[in-house]
Amino acid sequence: MATRSSSTALAAHRALLLDGIRAAGQISRAALARRTGLNAATVTVVVRGLINDGLIVESGRAASTGGKPAVLLSLGIESRFAVGVHLDHTATTYVLADLSGHVVARWSRRGGTDTQDPQQVVQRMAADVTALVTQVGLTLERLTGVGLVSPGPATTATGIALSTPEMQPWIEFPLVDALAAATGLPVVLGNDATAAAIGEFWAGALDPTSVFAAVYMGTGIGAGILASGHPIVGASGNAGEIGHICVVRNGLPCWCGSNGCLETVASAGAIVQAAQRAGCDLSGALIDEQFAAAARAAMNGHPAAARIFDRAADDVAVAVHTLTNILDLDQVILTGPAFAVAGPLFLPAIQQRLEQTFFARGAHPVTVSISSNATDAAATGAAAMVLQSELAPQSSASGLSLIISDPDRGISAGGSSAGAVPEAAAAK
């Protein structure tokens, strides 16, 4: 009979080898041993189990160097799939990803937490998940689970969103449990900015040792933070709320109770309001459409729109500079639907401030870039959260703390290392 410690060690070794294979794409057993520091015997035993479980496959042979060519291992990418759902205030985005994190299918629809009937939204999400999966010829049984992310703040004690103005009807609503019951699948809940950061890490956009922030701009502004693959989420899962850094002393009141927060002057809604006051012609009925119109005007040289974005970019740069100094970041990626359309209007101001005034600029530079998947970053990251429950099951109480609900086991909270979500029920 395996002891608890031996089971924990096996889970940790599986996680380490799977992540090594994922990162390498293809790798031999010997190279995997060197990469992970595990001895050859352990690698042989663990790899055998992973092959039996369908998580990895023998996918070819390395080029011969005189002896017998080494057998190469890679992920069994079609052995597991996950759905990522980004439930925003006015839209819901879905992606279906295979075990490598490759997006197989996506879909977006209008309507999110702006409804007065959360249960209706849950039923709609369950139907949408089924439709997304069946359209590519899969069944729900092929899914590892559903990753669900929404704008913060949230409480990791219950998984229930707190009192953002747009989400008042959702207070005290058991979102995770309700979606798990409606889909019959394990559900993992996370913050959209943290999910976006995990998605960037999963996609291989980062050095594994990077101390990195994904600055996410959608309805609000937040940051997902990873240090060597470990998410920094804080005591309640709300770390990285840079939208509530004060950038204007005695400024406008914010819904959070403070004044002069970044979101009061540089969020998509704040920019749209400023553009409307300046007389800009903003087409579209929704904030995201009006924001895109304002961004186009600024890029096309409209003086008032350009001034508004210049001020907003300077304010965002102040907040990013503060975050970078506190955490000694070496990489920042701008992501989210607002940066997808307006990233070039923000990037120069952020780069310039960090180049000129970042405290540790003499020790190392800070790379700032725009995500190649900014529009769907949160949904893609949500799927990655679930997939990491297969690739890196729970091995410690540190790292990412998320809410997992399994329809057969109820709701539980867990933590993991190396950017992993807890194995719990979501791993099987």
Protein backbone atom coordinates (compact mmCIF):
# COMPACT_ATOMS: atom_id res chain seq x y z
CA MET A 1 0.00 0.00 0.00
CA ALA A 2 1.34 3.41 -0.96
CA THR A 3 1.89 5.78 1.91
CA ARG A 4 0.67 9.36 1.88
CA SER A 5 4.24 10.62 1.48
CA SER A 6 4.97 8.25 -1.41
CA SER A 7 1.73 9.25 -3.14
CA THR A 8 2.63 12.90 -2.70
CA ALA A 9 6.11 12.29 -4.10
CA LEU A 10 4.66 10.43 -7.09
CA ALA A 11 2.24 13.28 -7.80
CA ALA A 12 5.09 15.78 -7.59
CA HIS A 13 7.27 13.69 -9.93
CA ARG A 14 4.41 13.31 -12.42
CA ALA A 15 3.85 17.06 -12.32
CA LEU A 16 7.54 17.79 -12.83
CA LEU A 17 7.91 15.40 -15.76
CA LEU A 18 4.69 16.49 -17.44
CA ASP A 19 5.63 20.13 -17.22
CA GLY A 20 9.08 19.34 -18.59
CA ILE A 21 7.57 17.49 -21.54
CA ARG A 22 5.05 20.28 -22.13
CA ALA A 23 7.78 22.92 -22.14
CA ALA A 24 10.10 20.92 -24.41
CA GLY A 25 7.49 19.74 -26.90
CA GLN A 26 9.51 16.56 -27.54
CA ILE A 27 12.16 15.19 -25.23
CA SER A 28 13.94 11.90 -24.48
CA ARG A 29 13.87 10.17 -21.10
CA ALA A 30 17.55 10.93 -20.57
CA ALA A 31 17.13 14.61 -21.40
CA LEU A 32 14.07 14.73 -19.17
CA ALA A 33 16.09 13.34 -16.27
CA ARG A 34 18.73 16.02 -16.81
CA ARG A 35 16.12 18.75 -17.11
CA THR A 36 14.22 17.79 -13.96
CA GLY A 37 17.05 16.46 -11.79
CA LEU A 38 15.25 13.15 -11.20
CA ASN A 39 17.25 9.95 -11.50
CA ALA A 40 16.82 7.70 -14.53
CA ALA A 41 15.02 4.94 -12.62
CA THR A 42 12.39 7.35 -11.30
CA VAL A 43 11.88 8.84 -14.75
CA THR A 44 11.40 5.37 -16.24
CA VAL A 45 8.78 4.35 -13.68
CA VAL A 46 6.83 7.62 -13.77
CA VAL A 47 6.92 7.85 -17.56
CA ARG A 48 5.48 4.33 -17.80
CA GLY A 49 2.53 5.38 -15.67
CA LEU A 50 1.96 8.55 -17.68
CA ILE A 51 1.95 6.55 -20.92
CA ASN A 52 -0.55 4.09 -19.43
CA ASP A 53 -2.77 7.04 -18.47
CA GLY A 54 -2.59 8.44 -21.99
CA LEU A 55 -1.08 11.71 -20.81
CA ILE A 56 2.10 11.25 -22.84
CA VAL A 57 3.05 9.24 -25.92
CA GLU A 58 6.22 8.01 -27.58
CA SER A 59 6.25 10.26 -30.62
CA GLY A 60 9.43 9.49 -32.52
CA ARG A 61 13.18 9.10 -32.21
CA ALA A 62 15.98 11.61 -31.85
CA ALA A 63 18.63 11.95 -34.53
CA SER A 64 21.26 9.26 -34.17
CA THR A 65 24.60 10.25 -32.68
CA GLY A 66 26.17 6.87 -33.34
CA GLY A 67 24.19 4.68 -30.98
CA LYS A 68 20.55 3.67 -30.85
CA PRO A 69 18.39 6.79 -31.34
CA ALA A 70 16.58 7.84 -28.18
CA VAL A 71 12.80 7.55 -28.05
CA LEU A 72 11.13 10.96 -27.78
CA LEU A 73 8.18 11.72 -25.52
CA SER A 74 5.46 14.30 -26.04
CA LEU A 75 2.09 15.12 -24.55
CA GLY A 76 -0.92 13.06 -25.57
CA ILE A 77 -2.61 16.28 -26.54
CA GLU A 78 -5.99 14.72 -27.33
CA SER A 79 -6.15 12.76 -24.09
CA ARG A 80 -7.59 15.69 -22.16
CA PHE A 81 -9.49 18.84 -23.06
CA ALA A 82 -10.67 21.79 -21.01
CA VAL A 83 -13.10 24.64 -21.51
CA GLY A 84 -12.22 28.15 -20.39
CA VAL A 85 -15.02 30.62 -19.74
CA HIS A 86 -14.53 34.35 -19.27
CA LEU A 87 -17.69 35.77 -17.71
CA ASP A 88 -17.34 39.53 -18.11
CA HIS A 89 -19.91 42.22 -17.45
CA THR A 90 -21.33 42.47 -20.97
CA ALA A 91 -19.98 39.39 -22.76
CA THR A 92 -19.07 35.74 -22.22
CA THR A 93 -16.17 34.13 -24.09
CA TYR A 94 -15.52 30.38 -24.36
CA VAL A 95 -12.46 28.48 -25.57
CA LEU A 96 -11.85 24.74 -25.89
CA ALA A 97 -8.20 23.75 -25.46
CA ASP A 98 -6.36 20.45 -25.80
CA LEU A 99 -3.77 19.23 -23.29
CA SER A 100 -1.02 21.31 -24.91
CA GLY A 101 -3.08 24.46 -24.37
CA HIS A 102 -3.79 24.85 -28.09
CA VAL A 103 -7.19 26.45 -28.66
CA VAL A 104 -9.34 24.06 -30.67
CA ALA A 105 -12.49 26.18 -30.78
CA ARG A 106 -13.76 29.51 -29.44
CA TRP A 107 -17.01 31.39 -29.23
CA SER A 108 -18.16 34.69 -27.76
CA ARG A 109 -21.60 36.05 -27.10
CA ARG A 110 -23.15 39.20 -25.70
CA GLY A 111 -24.40 39.09 -22.14
CA GLY A 112 -22.55 38.43 -18.90
CA THR A 113 -22.92 39.56 -15.32
CA ASP A 114 -25.04 42.51 -16.45
CA THR A 115 -28.13 40.33 -16.03
CA GLN A 116 -30.39 40.34 -12.99
CA ASP A 117 -30.77 36.54 -13.12
CA PRO A 118 -27.52 34.65 -12.36
CA GLN A 119 -29.20 31.24 -12.55
CA GLN A 120 -30.32 31.99 -16.10
CA VAL A 121 -26.73 32.88 -17.02
CA VAL A 122 -25.48 29.62 -15.49
CA GLN A 123 -27.95 27.58 -17.54
CA ARG A 124 -26.92 29.48 -20.66
CA MET A 125 -23.22 28.88 -19.94
CA ALA A 126 -23.86 25.15 -19.46
CA ALA A 127 -25.67 24.98 -22.80
CA ASP A 128 -22.89 26.97 -24.49
CA VAL A 129 -20.20 24.65 -23.10
CA THR A 130 -22.05 21.63 -24.47
CA ALA A 131 -22.50 23.30 -27.87
CA LEU A 132 -18.83 24.30 -28.08
CA VAL A 133 -17.67 20.76 -27.31
CA THR A 134 -20.10 18.96 -29.60
CA GLN A 135 -19.37 21.23 -32.57
CA VAL A 136 -15.87 19.73 -32.76
CA GLY A 137 -17.09 16.17 -32.32
CA LEU A 138 -16.25 15.70 -28.64
CA THR A 139 -18.38 14.65 -25.71
CA LEU A 140 -18.41 16.14 -22.23
CA GLU A 141 -16.74 12.97 -20.97
CA ARG A 142 -13.55 14.06 -22.76
CA LEU A 143 -13.33 17.22 -20.64
CA THR A 144 -11.11 17.55 -17.60
CA GLY A 145 -13.29 20.41 -16.40
CA VAL A 146 -14.33 24.01 -16.84
CA GLY A 147 -12.24 27.02 -15.87
CA LEU A 148 -14.37 30.05 -15.02
CA VAL A 149 -12.90 33.52 -14.60
CA SER A 150 -14.49 36.88 -13.99
CA PRO A 151 -13.34 40.37 -12.98
CA GLY A 152 -12.33 40.73 -9.32
CA PRO A 153 -12.72 41.12 -6.52
CA ALA A 154 -13.71 37.68 -5.31
CA THR A 155 -13.46 35.76 -2.08
CA THR A 156 -11.58 32.47 -2.09
CA ALA A 157 -13.57 31.38 0.96
CA THR A 158 -16.74 30.92 -1.07
CA GLY A 159 -15.92 31.70 -4.68
CA ILE A 160 -18.62 34.38 -4.71
CA ALA A 161 -17.90 37.72 -6.35
CA LEU A 162 -17.98 40.73 -4.06
CA SER A 163 -19.74 44.02 -4.58
CA THR A 164 -18.52 45.47 -7.84
CA PRO A 165 -21.27 47.78 -9.10
CA GLU A 166 -22.05 45.63 -12.13
CA MET A 167 -22.27 42.40 -10.09
CA GLN A 168 -24.70 43.30 -7.30
CA PRO A 169 -27.19 40.55 -8.27
CA TRP A 170 -24.39 37.98 -7.98
CA ILE A 171 -23.57 38.60 -4.33
CA GLU A 172 -24.25 35.44 -2.30
CA PHE A 173 -24.91 33.48 -5.51
CA PRO A 174 -23.05 30.10 -5.46
CA LEU A 175 -21.66 30.53 -8.96
CA VAL A 176 -19.12 27.71 -8.95
CA ASP A 177 -21.41 25.11 -7.42
CA ALA A 178 -24.26 26.11 -9.72
CA LEU A 179 -22.16 25.75 -12.89
CA ALA A 180 -20.73 22.44 -11.70
CA ALA A 181 -24.24 21.12 -11.13
CA ALA A 182 -25.47 22.43 -14.49
CA THR A 183 -22.59 20.94 -16.51
CA GLY A 184 -21.84 17.84 -14.45
CA LEU A 185 -18.17 18.84 -14.63
CA PRO A 186 -15.57 20.06 -12.12
CA VAL A 187 -15.34 23.86 -12.16
CA VAL A 188 -12.33 25.97 -11.23
CA LEU A 189 -12.88 29.66 -10.42
CA GLY A 190 -10.22 32.32 -10.82
CA ASN A 191 -9.55 35.99 -11.41
CA ASP A 192 -9.36 37.12 -15.04
CA ALA A 193 -5.99 38.86 -14.71
CA THR A 194 -4.35 35.91 -12.95
CA ALA A 195 -5.81 33.55 -15.54
CA ALA A 196 -4.36 35.70 -18.32
CA ALA A 197 -0.93 35.49 -16.69
CA ILE A 198 -1.20 31.70 -16.42
CA GLY A 199 -2.23 31.56 -20.07
CA GLU A 200 0.87 33.53 -21.11
CA PHE A 201 3.08 31.20 -19.07
CA TRP A 202 1.35 28.14 -20.51
CA ALA A 203 1.81 29.41 -24.06
CA GLY A 204 5.57 29.56 -23.54
CA ALA A 205 5.73 33.35 -23.80
CA LEU A 206 7.83 33.59 -20.63
CA ASP A 207 11.18 32.51 -19.32
CA PRO A 208 10.37 29.90 -16.64
CA THR A 209 12.35 31.94 -14.10
CA SER A 210 10.72 35.26 -14.98
CA VAL A 211 9.07 37.50 -12.39
CA PHE A 212 6.25 38.69 -14.55
CA ALA A 213 2.95 40.58 -14.59
CA ALA A 214 0.14 40.38 -17.09
CA VAL A 215 -1.51 43.80 -16.89
CA TYR A 216 -5.09 43.11 -17.89
CA MET A 217 -7.48 45.79 -19.12
CA GLY A 218 -11.05 44.83 -19.81
CA THR A 219 -13.92 46.32 -17.85
CA GLY A 220 -11.42 47.24 -15.13
CA ILE A 221 -7.65 47.10 -14.75
CA GLY A 222 -5.76 44.41 -12.86
CA ALA A 223 -2.54 42.43 -12.92
CA GLY A 224 -1.84 38.73 -12.73
CA ILE A 225 1.58 38.08 -11.19
CA LEU A 226 3.81 35.02 -11.58
CA ALA A 227 7.22 34.42 -10.04
CA SER A 228 9.03 31.46 -11.65
CA GLY A 229 5.65 30.05 -12.61
CA HIS A 230 4.14 30.53 -9.15
CA PRO A 231 1.06 32.79 -9.13
CA ILE A 232 1.07 35.42 -6.41
CA VAL A 233 -2.58 35.69 -5.45
CA GLY A 234 -2.62 37.13 -1.94
CA ALA A 235 -4.56 36.15 1.15
CA SER A 236 -7.95 36.19 -0.58
CA GLY A 237 -6.98 35.76 -4.23
CA ASN A 238 -7.16 39.49 -4.96
CA ALA A 239 -3.49 40.39 -5.40
CA GLY A 240 -2.63 42.62 -8.33
CA GLU A 241 -5.57 45.05 -8.15
CA ILE A 242 -3.56 47.88 -9.67
CA GLY A 243 -6.79 49.50 -10.82
CA HIS A 244 -7.14 50.65 -7.23
CA ILE A 245 -3.72 52.24 -6.87
CA CYS A 246 -4.27 55.95 -6.19
CA VAL A 247 -2.88 57.97 -9.10
CA VAL A 248 -4.80 61.22 -8.49
CA ARG A 249 -4.64 62.62 -4.98
CA ASN A 250 -8.13 63.70 -3.83
CA GLY A 251 -9.43 62.50 -7.17
CA LEU A 252 -12.80 61.13 -8.20
CA PRO A 253 -14.53 58.71 -5.82
CA CYS A 254 -14.16 55.05 -6.77
CA TRP A 255 -16.75 52.34 -6.13
CA CYS A 256 -14.19 50.60 -3.90
CA GLY A 257 -14.48 53.43 -1.36
CA SER A 258 -11.23 55.22 -2.17
CA ASN A 259 -10.56 58.27 -4.33
CA GLY A 260 -8.37 58.83 -7.35
CA CYS A 261 -8.00 55.15 -8.24
CA LEU A 262 -6.47 54.28 -11.61
CA GLU A 263 -9.81 52.90 -12.80
CA THR A 264 -11.49 56.30 -12.26
CA VAL A 265 -9.26 57.90 -14.90
CA ALA A 266 -7.87 55.16 -17.15
CA SER A 267 -10.38 52.30 -17.39
CA ALA A 268 -12.27 51.75 -20.63
CA GLY A 269 -15.37 53.32 -19.10
CA ALA A 270 -13.48 56.36 -17.81
CA ILE A 271 -11.85 56.92 -21.20
CA VAL A 272 -15.21 56.66 -22.98
CA GLN A 273 -16.75 59.20 -20.60
CA ALA A 274 -13.85 61.60 -21.13
CA ALA A 275 -14.11 61.20 -24.91
CA GLN A 276 -17.84 61.86 -24.83
CA ARG A 277 -17.32 65.01 -22.76
CA ALA A 278 -14.72 66.13 -25.30
CA GLY A 279 -17.25 65.76 -28.11
CA CYS A 280 -15.72 62.71 -29.78
CA ASP A 281 -18.09 60.82 -32.08
CA LEU A 282 -18.21 57.32 -30.56
CA SER A 283 -20.17 54.74 -32.51
CA GLY A 284 -21.65 51.70 -30.79
CA ALA A 285 -24.06 51.10 -27.94
CA LEU A 286 -21.71 49.21 -25.63
CA ILE A 287 -18.64 50.41 -23.73
CA ASP A 288 -16.23 48.13 -25.60
CA GLU A 289 -17.49 49.39 -28.97
CA GLN A 290 -17.26 53.02 -27.84
CA PHE A 291 -13.79 52.44 -26.41
CA ALA A 292 -12.64 50.95 -29.72
CA ALA A 293 -14.06 53.99 -31.54
CA ALA A 294 -12.18 56.34 -29.19
CA ALA A 295 -8.96 54.38 -29.73
CA ARG A 296 -9.37 54.55 -33.51
CA ALA A 297 -9.91 58.30 -33.26
CA ALA A 298 -6.73 58.72 -31.22
CA MET A 299 -4.72 56.59 -33.63
CA ASN A 300 -6.07 58.64 -36.54
CA GLY A 301 -4.88 61.87 -34.95
CA HIS A 302 -8.05 63.25 -33.36
CA PRO A 303 -6.55 65.86 -30.97
CA ALA A 304 -8.97 65.43 -28.06
CA ALA A 305 -8.96 61.63 -28.24
CA ALA A 306 -5.16 61.59 -28.45
CA ARG A 307 -4.86 63.79 -25.35
CA ILE A 308 -7.26 61.55 -23.41
CA PHE A 309 -5.28 58.41 -24.23
CA ASP A 310 -1.98 60.15 -23.50
CA ARG A 311 -3.19 61.03 -20.00
CA ALA A 312 -4.59 57.54 -19.44
CA ALA A 313 -1.34 55.96 -20.64
CA ASP A 314 0.66 58.12 -18.24
CA ASP A 315 -1.59 57.06 -15.35
CA VAL A 316 -1.33 53.37 -16.26
CA ALA A 317 2.44 53.80 -16.51
CA VAL A 318 2.52 55.16 -12.94
CA ALA A 319 0.66 52.10 -11.65
CA VAL A 320 2.80 49.65 -13.64
CA HIS A 321 5.94 51.44 -12.45
CA THR A 322 4.77 51.07 -8.84
CA LEU A 323 4.04 47.37 -9.30
CA THR A 324 7.37 46.81 -11.05
CA ASN A 325 9.32 48.51 -8.27
CA ILE A 326 7.54 46.57 -5.52
CA LEU A 327 7.99 43.16 -7.14
CA ASP A 328 11.20 43.76 -9.15
CA LEU A 329 9.52 42.50 -12.31
CA ASP A 330 11.55 41.67 -15.38
CA GLN A 331 8.65 41.33 -17.83
CA VAL A 332 5.26 42.99 -18.31
CA ILE A 333 2.71 41.90 -20.89
CA LEU A 334 -0.29 44.10 -21.72
CA THR A 335 -3.35 41.98 -22.32
CA GLY A 336 -7.13 41.96 -22.28
CA PRO A 337 -9.68 43.25 -24.82
CA ALA A 338 -8.95 46.95 -24.19
CA PHE A 339 -5.22 46.52 -24.80
CA ALA A 340 -6.06 44.35 -27.83
CA VAL A 341 -7.46 47.44 -29.57
CA ALA A 342 -5.50 50.23 -27.85
CA GLY A 343 -2.25 48.63 -26.69
CA PRO A 344 -0.04 50.74 -29.00
CA LEU A 345 -1.45 53.89 -27.35
CA PHE A 346 -0.27 52.73 -23.91
CA LEU A 347 2.96 50.86 -24.67
CA PRO A 348 5.35 53.82 -25.28
CA ALA A 349 4.47 55.63 -22.04
CA ILE A 350 4.95 52.47 -19.97
CA GLN A 351 8.24 51.62 -21.67
CA GLN A 352 9.58 55.14 -21.26
CA ARG A 353 8.73 55.39 -17.56
CA LEU A 354 10.32 52.03 -16.77
CA GLU A 355 13.43 52.77 -18.83
CA GLN A 356 13.93 56.11 -17.09
CA THR A 357 12.81 55.54 -13.49
CA PHE A 358 12.53 51.81 -12.68
CA PHE A 359 14.51 51.48 -9.46
CA ALA A 360 16.54 48.41 -10.52
CA ARG A 361 17.12 49.52 -14.12
CA GLY A 362 20.87 49.33 -13.55
CA ALA A 363 20.57 45.66 -12.61
CA HIS A 364 18.25 44.45 -15.35
CA PRO A 365 15.83 45.77 -17.97
CA VAL A 366 12.06 45.28 -17.93
CA THR A 367 10.57 43.97 -21.16
CA VAL A 368 7.13 45.38 -21.97
CA SER A 369 5.05 43.94 -24.80
CA ILE A 370 1.48 43.44 -26.00
CA SER A 371 0.08 39.91 -25.82
CA SER A 372 -0.43 38.07 -29.09
CA ASN A 373 -3.71 36.73 -27.65
CA ALA A 374 -4.97 39.79 -25.79
CA THR A 375 -8.63 39.47 -26.78
CA ASP A 376 -9.15 35.93 -25.46
CA ALA A 377 -6.41 35.93 -22.83
CA ALA A 378 -8.69 35.42 -19.84
CA ALA A 379 -10.67 32.55 -21.37
CA THR A 380 -7.52 30.85 -22.66
CA GLY A 381 -5.96 31.20 -19.23
CA ALA A 382 -9.07 29.75 -17.63
CA ALA A 383 -8.65 26.61 -19.72
CA ALA A 384 -4.96 26.51 -18.81
CA MET A 385 -5.87 26.59 -15.10
CA VAL A 386 -7.83 23.38 -15.54
CA LEU A 387 -5.18 21.71 -17.68
CA GLN A 388 -2.56 22.40 -15.06
CA SER A 389 -4.61 20.30 -12.67
CA GLU A 390 -3.51 17.40 -14.89
CA LEU A 391 0.05 18.53 -15.48
CA ALA A 392 0.84 19.76 -11.97
CA PRO A 393 -1.52 18.39 -9.32
CA GLN A 394 -1.49 19.70 -5.78
CA SER A 395 1.87 19.28 -4.09
CA SER A 396 1.97 22.08 -1.53
CA ALA A 397 -0.18 24.63 0.22
CA SER A 398 1.55 27.55 -1.49
CA GLY A 399 1.01 29.11 -4.86
CA LEU A 400 -2.29 29.42 -6.67
CA SER A 401 -5.36 29.24 -4.48
CA LEU A 402 -8.57 28.61 -6.38
CA ILE A 403 -12.07 27.34 -5.78
CA ILE A 404 -12.85 23.94 -7.25
CA SER A 405 -16.32 22.44 -7.29
CA ASP A 406 -17.04 18.89 -8.36
CA PRO A 407 -20.67 17.87 -8.79
CA ASP A 408 -19.99 14.64 -6.89
CA ARG A 409 -17.82 16.08 -4.11
CA GLY A 410 -19.07 19.59 -3.48
CA ILE A 411 -16.92 22.68 -3.22
CA SER A 412 -13.39 22.86 -1.90
CA ALA A 413 -10.50 25.27 -1.81
CA GLY A 414 -6.99 24.25 -2.66
CA GLY A 415 -3.50 25.48 -3.35
CA SER A 416 -0.72 24.33 -5.58
CA SER A 417 2.82 25.06 -6.60
CA ALA A 418 4.46 25.87 -9.90
CA GLY A 419 1.40 27.67 -11.16
CA ALA A 420 -0.74 24.56 -10.75
CA VAL A 421 -4.34 24.43 -9.73
CA PRO A 422 -5.27 21.84 -7.10
CA GLU A 423 -5.77 18.32 -8.34
CA ALA A 424 -8.82 17.63 -6.16
CA ALA A 425 -11.73 16.47 -8.27
CA ALA A 426 -10.73 18.50 -11.29
CA ALA A 427 -7.88 16.21 -12.23
CA LYS A 428 -10.01 13.28 -13.20
